[in-house]
Amino acid sequence: KSAKGEFVQRQIKVEGNGQEKPGASPASSGTFQFAR
């Protein structure tokens, strides 16, 4: 029904063959909490 924690988020670009493109964005991090 509710939760809290920490996260790390990273955004990347993917080629048509599924391979990761160079130059990914720096990772973001923080916290979350929720209640349904």
PDB file of all heavy atoms in Angstrom:
ATOM      1  N   LYS A   1       0.820  -1.210   0.000  1.00  0.00           N
ATOM      2  CA  LYS A   1       0.000   0.000   0.000  1.00  0.00           C
ATOM      3  C   LYS A   1       0.856   1.264   0.000  1.00  0.00           C
ATOM      4  O   LYS A   1       0.418   2.323  -0.464  1.00  0.00           O
ATOM      5  CB  LYS A   1      -0.925   0.006   1.226  1.00  0.00           C
ATOM      6  CG  LYS A   1      -1.813  -1.219   1.345  1.00  0.00           C
ATOM      7  CD  LYS A   1      -2.680  -1.408   0.116  1.00  0.00           C
ATOM      8  CE  LYS A   1      -3.573  -2.635   0.268  1.00  0.00           C
ATOM      9  NZ  LYS A   1      -4.361  -2.907  -0.962  1.00  0.00           N
ATOM     10  N   SER A   2       2.059   1.154   0.526  1.00  0.00           N
ATOM     11  CA  SER A   2       2.970   2.297   0.563  1.00  0.00           C
ATOM     12  C   SER A   2       4.400   1.761   0.583  1.00  0.00           C
ATOM     13  O   SER A   2       4.643   0.584   0.884  1.00  0.00           O
ATOM     14  CB  SER A   2       2.716   3.165   1.801  1.00  0.00           C
ATOM     15  OG  SER A   2       2.966   2.431   2.988  1.00  0.00           O
ATOM     16  N   ALA A   3       5.349   2.623   0.244  1.00  0.00           N
ATOM     17  CA  ALA A   3       6.756   2.219   0.247  1.00  0.00           C
ATOM     18  C   ALA A   3       7.636   3.456   0.171  1.00  0.00           C
ATOM     19  O   ALA A   3       7.178   4.552  -0.174  1.00  0.00           O
ATOM     20  CB  ALA A   3       7.064   1.282  -0.922  1.00  0.00           C
ATOM     21  N   LYS A   4       8.898   3.268   0.500  1.00  0.00           N
ATOM     22  CA  LYS A   4       9.877   4.330   0.325  1.00  0.00           C
ATOM     23  C   LYS A   4      11.236   3.695   0.092  1.00  0.00           C
ATOM     24  O   LYS A   4      11.443   2.502   0.384  1.00  0.00           O
ATOM     25  CB  LYS A   4       9.924   5.254   1.541  1.00  0.00           C
ATOM     26  CG  LYS A   4      10.385   4.600   2.833  1.00  0.00           C
ATOM     27  CD  LYS A   4      10.385   5.628   3.968  1.00  0.00           C
ATOM     28  CE  LYS A   4      10.879   5.021   5.268  1.00  0.00           C
ATOM     29  NZ  LYS A   4      10.912   6.026   6.374  1.00  0.00           N
ATOM     30  N   GLY A   5      12.148   4.465  -0.479  1.00  0.00           N
ATOM     31  CA  GLY A   5      13.470   3.944  -0.765  1.00  0.00           C
ATOM     32  C   GLY A   5      14.305   4.951  -1.517  1.00  0.00           C
ATOM     33  O   GLY A   5      14.004   6.144  -1.559  1.00  0.00           O
ATOM     34  N   GLU A   6      15.381   4.447  -2.129  1.00  0.00           N
ATOM     35  CA  GLU A   6      16.295   5.282  -2.901  1.00  0.00           C
ATOM     36  C   GLU A   6      16.414   4.732  -4.311  1.00  0.00           C
ATOM     37  O   GLU A   6      16.182   3.540  -4.545  1.00  0.00           O
ATOM     38  CB  GLU A   6      17.673   5.325  -2.228  1.00  0.00           C
ATOM     39  CG  GLU A   6      17.641   5.917  -0.827  1.00  0.00           C
ATOM     40  CD  GLU A   6      19.002   5.948  -0.160  1.00  0.00           C
ATOM     41  OE1 GLU A   6      19.993   5.509  -0.794  1.00  0.00           O
ATOM     42  OE2 GLU A   6      19.090   6.397   0.999  1.00  0.00           O
ATOM     43  N   PHE A   7      16.772   5.593  -5.263  1.00  0.00           N
ATOM     44  CA  PHE A   7      16.905   5.157  -6.648  1.00  0.00           C
ATOM     45  C   PHE A   7      18.127   5.787  -7.307  1.00  0.00           C
ATOM     46  O   PHE A   7      18.610   6.839  -6.886  1.00  0.00           O
ATOM     47  CB  PHE A   7      15.658   5.514  -7.461  1.00  0.00           C
ATOM     48  CG  PHE A   7      15.500   6.991  -7.730  1.00  0.00           C
ATOM     49  CD1 PHE A   7      16.056   7.576  -8.866  1.00  0.00           C
ATOM     50  CD2 PHE A   7      14.808   7.812  -6.842  1.00  0.00           C
ATOM     51  CE1 PHE A   7      15.932   8.940  -9.113  1.00  0.00           C
ATOM     52  CE2 PHE A   7      14.673   9.166  -7.074  1.00  0.00           C
ATOM     53  CZ  PHE A   7      15.234   9.732  -8.211  1.00  0.00           C
ATOM     54  N   VAL A   8      18.607   5.122  -8.346  1.00  0.00           N
ATOM     55  CA  VAL A   8      19.593   5.674  -9.270  1.00  0.00           C
ATOM     56  C   VAL A   8      19.023   5.509 -10.656  1.00  0.00           C
ATOM     57  O   VAL A   8      18.514   4.432 -11.007  1.00  0.00           O
ATOM     58  CB  VAL A   8      20.953   4.953  -9.166  1.00  0.00           C
ATOM     59  CG1 VAL A   8      21.912   5.467 -10.251  1.00  0.00           C
ATOM     60  CG2 VAL A   8      21.569   5.159  -7.784  1.00  0.00           C
ATOM     61  N   GLN A   9      19.048   6.564 -11.458  1.00  0.00           N
ATOM     62  CA  GLN A   9      18.476   6.546 -12.802  1.00  0.00           C
ATOM     63  C   GLN A   9      19.546   6.927 -13.817  1.00  0.00           C
ATOM     64  O   GLN A   9      20.291   7.886 -13.624  1.00  0.00           O
ATOM     65  CB  GLN A   9      17.302   7.511 -12.899  1.00  0.00           C
ATOM     66  CG  GLN A   9      16.666   7.567 -14.282  1.00  0.00           C
ATOM     67  CD  GLN A   9      15.434   8.457 -14.309  1.00  0.00           C
ATOM     68  OE1 GLN A   9      14.768   8.643 -13.298  1.00  0.00           O
ATOM     69  NE2 GLN A   9      15.132   9.010 -15.463  1.00  0.00           N
ATOM     70  N   ARG A  10      19.595   6.172 -14.887  1.00  0.00           N
ATOM     71  CA  ARG A  10      20.562   6.415 -15.954  1.00  0.00           C
ATOM     72  C   ARG A  10      19.828   6.335 -17.278  1.00  0.00           C
ATOM     73  O   ARG A  10      19.035   5.418 -17.510  1.00  0.00           O
ATOM     74  CB  ARG A  10      21.671   5.368 -15.905  1.00  0.00           C
ATOM     75  CG  ARG A  10      22.754   5.495 -16.960  1.00  0.00           C
ATOM     76  CD  ARG A  10      23.895   4.544 -16.633  1.00  0.00           C
ATOM     77  NE  ARG A  10      24.885   4.471 -17.692  1.00  0.00           N
ATOM     78  CZ  ARG A  10      24.938   3.502 -18.606  1.00  0.00           C
ATOM     79  NH1 ARG A  10      24.047   2.525 -18.574  1.00  0.00           N
ATOM     80  NH2 ARG A  10      25.862   3.511 -19.545  1.00  0.00           N
ATOM     81  N   GLN A  11      20.066   7.288 -18.157  1.00  0.00           N
ATOM     82  CA  GLN A  11      19.393   7.313 -19.447  1.00  0.00           C
ATOM     83  C   GLN A  11      20.419   7.081 -20.551  1.00  0.00           C
ATOM     84  O   GLN A  11      21.465   7.719 -20.583  1.00  0.00           O
ATOM     85  CB  GLN A  11      18.686   8.647 -19.672  1.00  0.00           C
ATOM     86  CG  GLN A  11      17.719   8.634 -20.837  1.00  0.00           C
ATOM     87  CD  GLN A  11      16.773   9.813 -20.797  1.00  0.00           C
ATOM     88  OE1 GLN A  11      17.102  10.870 -20.276  1.00  0.00           O
ATOM     89  NE2 GLN A  11      15.589   9.641 -21.344  1.00  0.00           N
ATOM     90  N   ILE A  12      20.116   6.144 -21.447  1.00  0.00           N
ATOM     91  CA  ILE A  12      21.033   5.800 -22.515  1.00  0.00           C
ATOM     92  C   ILE A  12      20.309   5.820 -23.854  1.00  0.00           C
ATOM     93  O   ILE A  12      19.085   5.807 -23.922  1.00  0.00           O
ATOM     94  CB  ILE A  12      21.666   4.404 -22.299  1.00  0.00           C
ATOM     95  CG1 ILE A  12      20.575   3.315 -22.331  1.00  0.00           C
ATOM     96  CG2 ILE A  12      22.434   4.358 -20.988  1.00  0.00           C
ATOM     97  CD1 ILE A  12      21.119   1.913 -22.251  1.00  0.00           C
ATOM     98  N   LYS A  13      21.087   5.850 -24.927  1.00  0.00           N
ATOM     99  CA  LYS A  13      20.573   5.722 -26.288  1.00  0.00           C
ATOM    100  C   LYS A  13      20.933   4.331 -26.794  1.00  0.00           C
ATOM    101  O   LYS A  13      22.019   3.824 -26.522  1.00  0.00           O
ATOM    102  CB  LYS A  13      21.188   6.787 -27.197  1.00  0.00           C
ATOM    103  CG  LYS A  13      20.688   8.199 -26.970  1.00  0.00           C
ATOM    104  CD  LYS A  13      19.391   8.441 -27.708  1.00  0.00           C
ATOM    105  CE  LYS A  13      19.014   9.921 -27.715  1.00  0.00           C
ATOM    106  NZ  LYS A  13      17.778  10.159 -28.503  1.00  0.00           N
ATOM    107  N   VAL A  14      20.017   3.739 -27.548  1.00  0.00           N
ATOM    108  CA  VAL A  14      20.233   2.390 -28.047  1.00  0.00           C
ATOM    109  C   VAL A  14      20.211   2.390 -29.572  1.00  0.00           C
ATOM    110  O   VAL A  14      19.350   3.019 -30.195  1.00  0.00           O
ATOM    111  CB  VAL A  14      19.162   1.427 -27.497  1.00  0.00           C
ATOM    112  CG1 VAL A  14      19.353   0.029 -28.068  1.00  0.00           C
ATOM    113  CG2 VAL A  14      19.217   1.386 -25.980  1.00  0.00           C
ATOM    114  N   GLU A  15      21.200   1.703 -30.182  1.00  0.00           N
ATOM    115  CA  GLU A  15      21.250   1.558 -31.642  1.00  0.00           C
ATOM    116  C   GLU A  15      20.134   0.629 -32.107  1.00  0.00           C
ATOM    117  O   GLU A  15      19.484  -0.046 -31.314  1.00  0.00           O
ATOM    118  CB  GLU A  15      22.603   0.962 -32.045  1.00  0.00           C
ATOM    119  CG  GLU A  15      23.815   1.766 -31.588  1.00  0.00           C
ATOM    120  CD  GLU A  15      24.149   2.910 -32.516  1.00  0.00           C
ATOM    121  OE1 GLU A  15      23.359   3.149 -33.458  1.00  0.00           O
ATOM    122  OE2 GLU A  15      25.187   3.559 -32.317  1.00  0.00           O
ATOM    123  N   GLY A  16      19.919   0.595 -33.415  1.00  0.00           N
ATOM    124  CA  GLY A  16      18.909  -0.282 -33.984  1.00  0.00           C
ATOM    125  C   GLY A  16      19.165  -1.745 -33.690  1.00  0.00           C
ATOM    126  O   GLY A  16      18.239  -2.553 -33.622  1.00  0.00           O
ATOM    127  N   ASN A  17      20.463  -2.116 -33.501  1.00  0.00           N
ATOM    128  CA  ASN A  17      20.809  -3.506 -33.201  1.00  0.00           C
ATOM    129  C   ASN A  17      20.754  -3.812 -31.711  1.00  0.00           C
ATOM    130  O   ASN A  17      21.132  -4.896 -31.267  1.00  0.00           O
ATOM    131  CB  ASN A  17      22.201  -3.834 -33.729  1.00  0.00           C
ATOM    132  CG  ASN A  17      23.285  -2.905 -33.162  1.00  0.00           C
ATOM    133  OD1 ASN A  17      23.006  -2.091 -32.266  1.00  0.00           O
ATOM    134  ND2 ASN A  17      24.493  -3.032 -33.668  1.00  0.00           N
ATOM    135  N   GLY A  18      20.300  -2.824 -30.928  1.00  0.00           N
ATOM    136  CA  GLY A  18      20.169  -3.039 -29.491  1.00  0.00           C
ATOM    137  C   GLY A  18      21.391  -2.673 -28.690  1.00  0.00           C
ATOM    138  O   GLY A  18      21.371  -2.741 -27.461  1.00  0.00           O
ATOM    139  N   GLN A  19      22.485  -2.268 -29.373  1.00  0.00           N
ATOM    140  CA  GLN A  19      23.712  -1.888 -28.675  1.00  0.00           C
ATOM    141  C   GLN A  19      23.606  -0.471 -28.130  1.00  0.00           C
ATOM    142  O   GLN A  19      23.011   0.410 -28.753  1.00  0.00           O
ATOM    143  CB  GLN A  19      24.921  -2.005 -29.614  1.00  0.00           C
ATOM    144  CG  GLN A  19      25.196  -3.419 -30.098  1.00  0.00           C
ATOM    145  CD  GLN A  19      25.563  -4.356 -28.958  1.00  0.00           C
ATOM    146  OE1 GLN A  19      26.388  -4.031 -28.113  1.00  0.00           O
ATOM    147  NE2 GLN A  19      24.930  -5.519 -28.931  1.00  0.00           N
ATOM    148  N   GLU A  20      24.238  -0.245 -26.984  1.00  0.00           N
ATOM    149  CA  GLU A  20      24.203   1.073 -26.353  1.00  0.00           C
ATOM    150  C   GLU A  20      25.085   2.053 -27.111  1.00  0.00           C
ATOM    151  O   GLU A  20      26.225   1.744 -27.478  1.00  0.00           O
ATOM    152  CB  GLU A  20      24.675   0.960 -24.907  1.00  0.00           C
ATOM    153  CG  GLU A  20      24.685   2.261 -24.146  1.00  0.00           C
ATOM    154  CD  GLU A  20      25.158   2.096 -22.712  1.00  0.00           C
ATOM    155  OE1 GLU A  20      25.009   0.985 -22.163  1.00  0.00           O
ATOM    156  OE2 GLU A  20      25.678   3.079 -22.150  1.00  0.00           O
ATOM    157  N   LYS A  21      24.569   3.252 -27.370  1.00  0.00           N
ATOM    158  CA  LYS A  21      25.360   4.308 -27.979  1.00  0.00           C
ATOM    159  C   LYS A  21      26.255   4.950 -26.937  1.00  0.00           C
ATOM    160  O   LYS A  21      25.903   5.003 -25.758  1.00  0.00           O
ATOM    161  CB  LYS A  21      24.446   5.382 -28.587  1.00  0.00           C
ATOM    162  CG  LYS A  21      23.668   4.954 -29.815  1.00  0.00           C
ATOM    163  CD  LYS A  21      22.865   6.135 -30.354  1.00  0.00           C
ATOM    164  CE  LYS A  21      22.079   5.750 -31.606  1.00  0.00           C
ATOM    165  NZ  LYS A  21      21.300   6.891 -32.128  1.00  0.00           N
ATOM    166  N   PRO A  22      27.418   5.477 -27.343  1.00  0.00           N
ATOM    167  CA  PRO A  22      28.270   6.182 -26.387  1.00  0.00           C
ATOM    168  C   PRO A  22      27.650   7.511 -25.970  1.00  0.00           C
ATOM    169  O   PRO A  22      26.748   8.030 -26.624  1.00  0.00           O
ATOM    170  CB  PRO A  22      29.571   6.390 -27.170  1.00  0.00           C
ATOM    171  CG  PRO A  22      29.153   6.380 -28.608  1.00  0.00           C
ATOM    172  CD  PRO A  22      28.007   5.411 -28.683  1.00  0.00           C
ATOM    173  N   GLY A  23      28.156   8.071 -24.878  1.00  0.00           N
ATOM    174  CA  GLY A  23      27.700   9.389 -24.445  1.00  0.00           C
ATOM    175  C   GLY A  23      26.435   9.371 -23.635  1.00  0.00           C
ATOM    176  O   GLY A  23      25.591  10.251 -23.766  1.00  0.00           O
ATOM    177  N   ALA A  24      26.281   8.376 -22.767  1.00  0.00           N
ATOM    178  CA  ALA A  24      25.091   8.309 -21.921  1.00  0.00           C
ATOM    179  C   ALA A  24      25.062   9.485 -20.951  1.00  0.00           C
ATOM    180  O   ALA A  24      26.097  10.026 -20.561  1.00  0.00           O
ATOM    181  CB  ALA A  24      25.087   6.993 -21.141  1.00  0.00           C
ATOM    182  N   SER A  25      23.882   9.897 -20.579  1.00  0.00           N
ATOM    183  CA  SER A  25      23.727  10.998 -19.642  1.00  0.00           C
ATOM    184  C   SER A  25      24.248  10.595 -18.265  1.00  0.00           C
ATOM    185  O   SER A  25      24.229   9.420 -17.901  1.00  0.00           O
ATOM    186  CB  SER A  25      22.252  11.385 -19.519  1.00  0.00           C
ATOM    187  OG  SER A  25      21.714  11.760 -20.763  1.00  0.00           O
ATOM    188  N   PRO A  26      24.727  11.574 -17.482  1.00  0.00           N
ATOM    189  CA  PRO A  26      25.170  11.266 -16.116  1.00  0.00           C
ATOM    190  C   PRO A  26      24.020  10.680 -15.305  1.00  0.00           C
ATOM    191  O   PRO A  26      22.855  11.017 -15.518  1.00  0.00           O
ATOM    192  CB  PRO A  26      25.593  12.632 -15.563  1.00  0.00           C
ATOM    193  CG  PRO A  26      25.826  13.491 -16.768  1.00  0.00           C
ATOM    194  CD  PRO A  26      24.888  13.000 -17.822  1.00  0.00           C
ATOM    195  N   ALA A  27      24.359   9.804 -14.379  1.00  0.00           N
ATOM    196  CA  ALA A  27      23.330   9.184 -13.556  1.00  0.00           C
ATOM    197  C   ALA A  27      22.688  10.212 -12.629  1.00  0.00           C
ATOM    198  O   ALA A  27      23.343  11.147 -12.167  1.00  0.00           O
ATOM    199  CB  ALA A  27      23.929   8.043 -12.747  1.00  0.00           C
ATOM    200  N   SER A  28      21.398  10.047 -12.391  1.00  0.00           N
ATOM    201  CA  SER A  28      20.673  10.843 -11.413  1.00  0.00           C
ATOM    202  C   SER A  28      20.343   9.945 -10.228  1.00  0.00           C
ATOM    203  O   SER A  28      20.218   8.733 -10.378  1.00  0.00           O
ATOM    204  CB  SER A  28      19.377  11.396 -12.005  1.00  0.00           C
ATOM    205  OG  SER A  28      19.629  12.178 -13.147  1.00  0.00           O
ATOM    206  N   SER A  29      20.180  10.540  -9.063  1.00  0.00           N
ATOM    207  CA  SER A  29      19.861   9.745  -7.885  1.00  0.00           C
ATOM    208  C   SER A  29      18.999  10.540  -6.935  1.00  0.00           C
ATOM    209  O   SER A  29      18.951  11.771  -6.997  1.00  0.00           O
ATOM    210  CB  SER A  29      21.142   9.288  -7.173  1.00  0.00           C
ATOM    211  OG  SER A  29      21.894  10.405  -6.732  1.00  0.00           O
ATOM    212  N   GLY A  30      18.305   9.815  -6.059  1.00  0.00           N
ATOM    213  CA  GLY A  30      17.446  10.487  -5.100  1.00  0.00           C
ATOM    214  C   GLY A  30      16.635   9.506  -4.294  1.00  0.00           C
ATOM    215  O   GLY A  30      17.009   8.339  -4.126  1.00  0.00           O
ATOM    216  N   THR A  31      15.489   9.966  -3.810  1.00  0.00           N
ATOM    217  CA  THR A  31      14.627   9.163  -2.955  1.00  0.00           C
ATOM    218  C   THR A  31      13.192   9.165  -3.477  1.00  0.00           C
ATOM    219  O   THR A  31      12.819  10.027  -4.271  1.00  0.00           O
ATOM    220  CB  THR A  31      14.615   9.709  -1.514  1.00  0.00           C
ATOM    221  OG1 THR A  31      14.063  11.031  -1.511  1.00  0.00           O
ATOM    222  CG2 THR A  31      16.030   9.754  -0.937  1.00  0.00           C
ATOM    223  N   PHE A  32      12.413   8.200  -3.033  1.00  0.00           N
ATOM    224  CA  PHE A  32      11.002   8.157  -3.400  1.00  0.00           C
ATOM    225  C   PHE A  32      10.186   7.641  -2.225  1.00  0.00           C
ATOM    226  O   PHE A  32      10.688   6.932  -1.351  1.00  0.00           O
ATOM    227  CB  PHE A  32      10.762   7.270  -4.622  1.00  0.00           C
ATOM    228  CG  PHE A  32      10.991   5.797  -4.359  1.00  0.00           C
ATOM    229  CD1 PHE A  32       9.950   4.977  -3.926  1.00  0.00           C
ATOM    230  CD2 PHE A  32      12.241   5.227  -4.541  1.00  0.00           C
ATOM    231  CE1 PHE A  32      10.159   3.632  -3.673  1.00  0.00           C
ATOM    232  CE2 PHE A  32      12.468   3.880  -4.292  1.00  0.00           C
ATOM    233  CZ  PHE A  32      11.429   3.080  -3.857  1.00  0.00           C
ATOM    234  N   GLN A  33       8.930   8.021  -2.209  1.00  0.00           N
ATOM    235  CA  GLN A  33       7.948   7.439  -1.297  1.00  0.00           C
ATOM    236  C   GLN A  33       6.592   7.521  -1.975  1.00  0.00           C
ATOM    237  O   GLN A  33       6.340   8.427  -2.769  1.00  0.00           O
ATOM    238  CB  GLN A  33       7.932   8.152   0.047  1.00  0.00           C
ATOM    239  CG  GLN A  33       7.732   9.647  -0.003  1.00  0.00           C
ATOM    240  CD  GLN A  33       7.845  10.283   1.381  1.00  0.00           C
ATOM    241  OE1 GLN A  33       7.201   9.824   2.335  1.00  0.00           O
ATOM    242  NE2 GLN A  33       8.662  11.311   1.501  1.00  0.00           N
ATOM    243  N   PHE A  34       5.717   6.551  -1.696  1.00  0.00           N
ATOM    244  CA  PHE A  34       4.408   6.566  -2.323  1.00  0.00           C
ATOM    245  C   PHE A  34       3.371   5.905  -1.431  1.00  0.00           C
ATOM    246  O   PHE A  34       3.696   5.139  -0.521  1.00  0.00           O
ATOM    247  CB  PHE A  34       4.434   5.895  -3.696  1.00  0.00           C
ATOM    248  CG  PHE A  34       4.555   4.389  -3.678  1.00  0.00           C
ATOM    249  CD1 PHE A  34       3.423   3.581  -3.573  1.00  0.00           C
ATOM    250  CD2 PHE A  34       5.788   3.771  -3.791  1.00  0.00           C
ATOM    251  CE1 PHE A  34       3.521   2.204  -3.568  1.00  0.00           C
ATOM    252  CE2 PHE A  34       5.904   2.390  -3.779  1.00  0.00           C
ATOM    253  CZ  PHE A  34       4.771   1.597  -3.668  1.00  0.00           C
ATOM    254  N   ALA A  35       2.133   6.245  -1.697  1.00  0.00           N
ATOM    255  CA  ALA A  35       0.978   5.606  -1.067  1.00  0.00           C
ATOM    256  C   ALA A  35      -0.077   5.446  -2.139  1.00  0.00           C
ATOM    257  O   ALA A  35      -0.429   6.417  -2.810  1.00  0.00           O
ATOM    258  CB  ALA A  35       0.449   6.433   0.100  1.00  0.00           C
ATOM    259  N   ARG A  36      -0.556   4.242  -2.331  1.00  0.00           N
ATOM    260  CA  ARG A  36      -1.573   3.998  -3.350  1.00  0.00           C
ATOM    261  C   ARG A  36      -2.920   4.561  -2.905  1.00  0.00           C
ATOM    262  O   ARG A  36      -3.241   4.508  -1.721  1.00  0.00           O
ATOM    263  CB  ARG A  36      -1.729   2.485  -3.593  1.00  0.00           C
ATOM    264  CG  ARG A  36      -0.513   1.807  -4.181  1.00  0.00           C
ATOM    265  CD  ARG A  36      -0.826   0.344  -4.424  1.00  0.00           C
ATOM    266  NE  ARG A  36       0.353  -0.405  -4.806  1.00  0.00           N
ATOM    267  CZ  ARG A  36       0.799  -0.501  -6.058  1.00  0.00           C
ATOM    268  NH1 ARG A  36       0.162   0.121  -7.021  1.00  0.00           N
ATOM    269  NH2 ARG A  36       1.873  -1.209  -6.327  1.00  0.00           N
TER     270      ARG A  36
END
